[in-house]
């Protein structure tokens, strides 16, 4: 009996997920505190709040002290940018100079349509329907 592969769901921009699907981007970078239980060999399910997912295999995880060191090491092209200046500007804007970063190396991307979203069993407390009394 084989074990079911573990999936890790990650919210991302559609353009970033599609760049991975095209092969233009081979590394997804995140703040280290966002990525806790992701491991090499797991399947990364990238989504943008739709029923479409981009699944890819995690082939490497590398932690860096900040975004500048990460960009210097992996290069702007691996992160999906045409030039170094734009890449540095984006990562500095979102993460600053003091955030530890993780570079997630991915391979074998594939698109899966109509994935059933995880459904809640109960309505969130602030969204409960109130009964109207007459």
Protein backbone atom coordinates (compact mmCIF):
# COMPACT_ATOMS: atom_id res chain seq x y z
CA UNK A 1 0.00 0.00 0.00
CA UNK A 2 1.58 3.29 -1.11
CA UNK A 3 1.36 6.48 0.88
CA UNK A 4 -0.57 9.41 -0.59
CA UNK A 5 1.84 12.30 -1.41
CA UNK A 6 1.59 15.25 0.94
CA UNK A 7 0.33 18.55 -0.45
CA UNK A 8 1.12 22.04 0.76
CA UNK A 9 -1.25 24.78 -0.38
CA UNK A 10 0.16 28.22 -1.12
CA UNK A 11 -1.77 31.34 -2.12
CA UNK A 12 0.00 33.28 -4.88
CA UNK A 13 -0.65 35.69 -7.72
CA UNK A 14 -1.97 34.05 -10.86
CA UNK A 15 0.84 35.52 -13.00
CA UNK A 16 3.49 33.94 -10.71
CA UNK A 17 1.85 30.51 -10.81
CA UNK A 18 1.51 30.68 -14.59
CA UNK A 19 5.18 31.73 -14.91
CA UNK A 20 6.09 28.53 -13.04
CA UNK A 21 3.82 26.53 -15.36
CA UNK A 22 5.58 28.03 -18.44
CA UNK A 23 9.01 27.37 -16.92
CA UNK A 24 9.90 31.08 -16.72
CA UNK A 25 10.15 30.85 -12.94
CA UNK A 26 11.70 27.89 -11.08
CA UNK A 27 11.85 29.34 -7.57
CA UNK A 28 9.03 30.66 -5.39
CA UNK A 29 10.32 32.88 -2.59
CA UNK A 30 8.51 33.45 0.69
CA UNK A 31 9.14 34.85 4.14
CA UNK A 32 10.57 32.00 6.22
CA UNK A 33 7.92 32.45 8.92
CA UNK A 34 5.19 31.67 6.33
CA UNK A 35 6.61 28.27 5.43
CA UNK A 36 6.63 25.94 8.40
CA UNK A 37 5.91 22.34 7.41
CA UNK A 38 6.97 22.30 3.75
CA UNK A 39 9.55 19.62 2.93
CA UNK A 40 11.50 18.55 -0.15
CA UNK A 41 9.51 15.93 -2.08
CA UNK A 42 6.11 17.34 -1.16
CA UNK A 43 3.67 18.62 -3.78
CA UNK A 44 3.13 22.37 -3.75
CA UNK A 45 -0.42 23.37 -4.74
CA UNK A 46 -0.40 27.01 -5.83
CA UNK A 47 -3.73 28.79 -6.14
CA UNK A 48 -5.14 32.29 -6.55
CA UNK A 49 -8.57 31.86 -4.92
CA UNK A 50 -10.10 29.96 -7.82
CA UNK A 51 -10.73 26.28 -8.47
CA UNK A 52 -7.59 26.08 -10.64
CA UNK A 53 -4.34 24.86 -9.08
CA UNK A 54 -0.77 24.63 -10.31
CA UNK A 55 0.82 21.54 -8.76
CA UNK A 56 4.59 21.16 -8.71
CA UNK A 57 7.16 19.10 -6.86
CA UNK A 58 9.36 20.77 -4.24
CA UNK A 59 12.97 19.93 -5.14
CA UNK A 60 14.85 22.28 -2.82
CA UNK A 61 14.39 24.57 0.18
CA UNK A 62 17.09 27.12 0.94
CA UNK A 63 16.92 29.65 3.77
CA UNK A 64 18.53 33.09 3.51
CA UNK A 65 19.03 35.87 6.06
CA UNK A 66 17.33 38.43 3.79
CA UNK A 67 15.91 38.96 0.30
CA UNK A 68 19.04 40.66 -1.08
CA UNK A 69 21.23 37.68 -0.25
CA UNK A 70 18.62 35.35 -1.79
CA UNK A 71 18.42 37.35 -5.04
CA UNK A 72 22.24 37.53 -5.26
CA UNK A 73 22.45 33.74 -4.84
CA UNK A 74 19.60 32.42 -7.02
CA UNK A 75 19.51 35.21 -9.62
CA UNK A 76 16.62 37.31 -10.87
CA UNK A 77 15.74 35.01 -13.81
CA UNK A 78 15.01 32.02 -11.53
CA UNK A 79 12.56 34.23 -9.64
CA UNK A 80 10.78 35.18 -12.87
CA UNK A 81 12.15 38.71 -13.40
CA UNK A 82 13.65 40.14 -16.59
CA UNK A 83 16.21 42.28 -14.77
CA UNK A 84 17.93 42.51 -11.42
CA UNK A 85 16.69 46.01 -10.55
CA UNK A 86 12.98 45.09 -10.80
CA UNK A 87 13.56 41.92 -8.81
CA UNK A 88 15.37 43.73 -5.99
CA UNK A 89 12.75 46.50 -5.91
CA UNK A 90 9.85 44.04 -5.55
CA UNK A 91 11.45 41.93 -2.83
CA UNK A 92 12.65 44.97 -0.90
CA UNK A 93 9.16 46.52 -1.05
CA UNK A 94 7.43 43.39 0.25
CA UNK A 95 10.00 41.99 2.66
CA UNK A 96 12.44 44.76 3.59
CA UNK A 97 16.00 44.03 4.71
CA UNK A 98 15.47 42.03 7.89
CA UNK A 99 13.13 39.17 6.93
CA UNK A 100 14.53 35.65 6.67
CA UNK A 101 13.56 34.18 3.30
CA UNK A 102 13.07 30.69 1.88
CA UNK A 103 13.67 29.93 -1.79
CA UNK A 104 11.44 27.00 -2.83
CA UNK A 105 12.84 25.21 -5.87
CA UNK A 106 10.06 23.60 -7.93
CA UNK A 107 9.83 21.26 -10.92
CA UNK A 108 7.28 19.31 -12.98
CA UNK A 109 4.47 21.91 -12.86
CA UNK A 110 1.00 20.95 -14.05
CA UNK A 111 -2.35 22.75 -14.14
CA UNK A 112 -5.41 21.11 -12.60
CA UNK A 113 -8.83 22.64 -13.23
CA UNK A 114 -11.93 22.46 -11.03
CA UNK A 115 -10.29 21.42 -7.78
CA UNK A 116 -12.94 21.21 -5.09
CA UNK A 117 -12.23 23.90 -2.52
CA UNK A 118 -11.95 22.99 1.12
CA UNK A 119 -15.41 23.60 2.55
CA UNK A 120 -16.12 24.69 6.08
CA UNK A 121 -18.52 22.68 8.16
CA UNK A 122 -19.92 25.74 9.85
CA UNK A 123 -20.43 29.36 8.93
CA UNK A 124 -17.81 31.72 10.41
CA UNK A 125 -19.12 33.41 13.56
CA UNK A 126 -19.36 36.89 12.03
CA UNK A 127 -21.27 35.62 9.00
CA UNK A 128 -24.16 33.76 10.64
CA UNK A 129 -27.58 34.51 9.25
CA UNK A 130 -29.76 36.24 11.73
CA UNK A 131 -33.38 35.31 11.95
CA UNK A 132 -35.85 38.10 11.34
CA UNK A 133 -38.69 38.32 13.85
CA UNK A 134 -41.98 39.92 12.95
